[in-house]
Amino acid sequence: MLASPMRWLMPAALCATALAATAQTPISPHRKADPLDAGASVPGAVYDSVFSRHRRVADDTTIPWRDANDTAARIGGWRTYAREAQQPAPAPSAPAAPRTPSDPQAMPPGHGGHKMP
């Protein structure tokens, strides 16, 4: 019974929102240039190279490989990294408020529309 009104209500709401959004766009104060007019003024082209923000590998500081290996061995090697990866996430510092079924924020994202029997 509820699915029938929802079938047309959602598209109608989306159309009304789109119509309201387009009604709010301001009208351009100047007329667009005619593409067939050879004398029309157009803004200049701007070129932004993708390499303008590139960092070279030589810009990074490196350490000798022996020093890197010694440092890894000193802290425990790969087993230390594996142990860190297996650690559980740290507990939150503040206790969480108890969740109630009537609280709409209590449901995880995407599950707010489900009803309990």
Protein backbone atom coordinates (compact mmCIF):
# COMPACT_ATOMS: atom_id res chain seq x y z
CA MET A 1 0.00 0.00 0.00
CA LEU A 2 2.83 2.35 0.84
CA ALA A 3 4.92 1.37 -2.20
CA SER A 4 2.40 2.78 -4.69
CA PRO A 5 2.60 6.45 -3.56
CA MET A 6 6.37 6.18 -3.15
CA ARG A 7 6.66 5.04 -6.76
CA TRP A 8 5.53 8.45 -8.07
CA LEU A 9 6.37 10.62 -5.06
CA MET A 10 10.16 10.22 -5.29
CA PRO A 11 10.47 11.13 -9.02
CA ALA A 12 8.07 14.05 -8.51
CA ALA A 13 10.19 15.35 -5.62
CA LEU A 14 13.37 15.02 -7.69
CA CYS A 15 11.80 16.88 -10.62
CA ALA A 16 10.56 19.66 -8.32
CA THR A 17 14.03 20.00 -6.78
CA ALA A 18 15.68 20.14 -10.22
CA LEU A 19 13.17 22.72 -11.40
CA ALA A 20 13.76 24.87 -8.33
CA ALA A 21 17.53 24.62 -8.79
CA THR A 22 17.39 25.73 -12.42
CA ALA A 23 15.08 28.59 -11.52
CA GLN A 24 17.77 29.96 -9.20
CA THR A 25 20.55 30.20 -11.79
CA PRO A 26 21.26 33.84 -12.65
CA ILE A 27 20.95 35.09 -16.20
CA SER A 28 24.32 35.98 -17.71
CA PRO A 29 24.77 39.77 -17.87
CA HIS A 30 26.57 39.60 -21.22
CA ARG A 31 25.48 37.90 -24.35
CA LYS A 32 27.39 34.82 -25.50
CA ALA A 33 29.67 35.33 -28.45
CA ASP A 34 28.39 34.09 -31.78
CA PRO A 35 30.51 31.10 -32.81
CA LEU A 36 30.19 32.10 -36.48
CA ASP A 37 31.52 35.63 -35.86
CA ALA A 38 35.26 35.68 -36.63
CA GLY A 39 35.71 39.00 -34.83
CA ALA A 40 34.15 37.87 -31.55
CA SER A 41 36.33 38.23 -28.47
CA VAL A 42 37.12 35.06 -26.62
CA PRO A 43 39.15 34.46 -23.46
CA GLY A 44 42.70 33.34 -23.97
CA ALA A 45 43.62 29.69 -23.62
CA VAL A 46 45.40 28.76 -20.39
CA TYR A 47 47.82 25.85 -20.35
CA ASP A 48 48.62 24.17 -17.05
CA SER A 49 51.14 21.37 -17.47
CA VAL A 50 50.66 18.26 -15.39
CA PHE A 51 54.39 18.29 -14.77
CA SER A 52 54.36 21.71 -13.07
CA ARG A 53 53.74 20.08 -9.66
CA HIS A 54 55.94 17.04 -10.30
CA ARG A 55 58.61 16.19 -7.74
CA ARG A 56 61.72 14.51 -9.03
CA VAL A 57 62.94 11.35 -7.32
CA ALA A 58 66.30 13.05 -6.83
CA ASP A 59 64.57 15.61 -4.58
CA ASP A 60 63.87 12.94 -1.94
CA THR A 61 66.45 12.26 0.72
CA THR A 62 67.66 8.69 0.75
CA ILE A 63 69.68 6.70 3.24
CA PRO A 64 72.09 3.89 2.41
CA TRP A 65 70.44 0.50 2.23
CA ARG A 66 72.66 -0.93 4.94
CA ASP A 67 71.47 1.73 7.38
CA ALA A 68 67.83 1.01 6.46
CA ASN A 69 68.35 -2.72 7.00
CA ASP A 70 70.12 -2.13 10.33
CA THR A 71 67.29 0.08 11.52
CA ALA A 72 64.69 -2.54 10.57
CA ALA A 73 66.70 -5.27 12.34
CA ARG A 74 67.10 -3.09 15.45
CA ILE A 75 63.33 -2.59 15.86
CA GLY A 76 62.54 -6.27 15.30
CA GLY A 77 62.38 -6.76 11.54
CA TRP A 78 59.32 -7.72 9.56
CA ARG A 79 57.77 -9.56 12.50
CA THR A 80 57.29 -6.27 14.34
CA TYR A 81 55.42 -4.82 11.36
CA ALA A 82 53.29 -7.98 11.12
CA ARG A 83 52.46 -7.75 14.84
CA GLU A 84 51.45 -4.09 14.46
CA ALA A 85 49.13 -5.01 11.61
CA GLN A 86 47.42 -7.65 13.79
CA GLN A 87 46.74 -5.23 16.67
CA PRO A 88 43.06 -4.36 17.21
CA ALA A 89 41.94 -0.80 16.65
CA PRO A 90 42.32 1.38 19.77
CA ALA A 91 39.20 1.81 21.88
CA PRO A 92 37.47 5.21 21.77
CA SER A 93 38.44 7.50 24.64
CA ALA A 94 34.85 8.49 25.53
CA PRO A 95 32.21 5.85 26.24
CA ALA A 96 29.57 5.63 23.56
CA ALA A 97 25.98 6.49 24.42
CA PRO A 98 23.62 3.50 24.51
CA ARG A 99 21.67 3.09 21.31
CA THR A 100 17.92 2.83 21.33
CA PRO A 101 15.78 1.43 18.50
CA SER A 102 13.81 4.70 18.31
CA ASP A 103 17.00 6.70 17.70
CA PRO A 104 17.37 7.13 13.89
CA GLN A 105 21.13 7.67 14.29
CA ALA A 106 21.49 4.29 16.00
CA MET A 107 21.33 2.39 12.72
CA PRO A 108 24.47 2.02 10.63
CA PRO A 109 24.46 3.99 7.36
CA GLY A 110 22.22 2.41 4.75
CA HIS A 111 20.08 0.53 7.28
CA GLY A 112 17.81 3.30 8.50
CA GLY A 113 14.79 2.15 6.47
CA HIS A 114 14.63 -1.40 7.82
CA LYS A 115 11.82 -2.22 10.23
CA MET A 116 12.10 -4.74 13.02
CA PRO A 117 9.30 -7.34 13.12
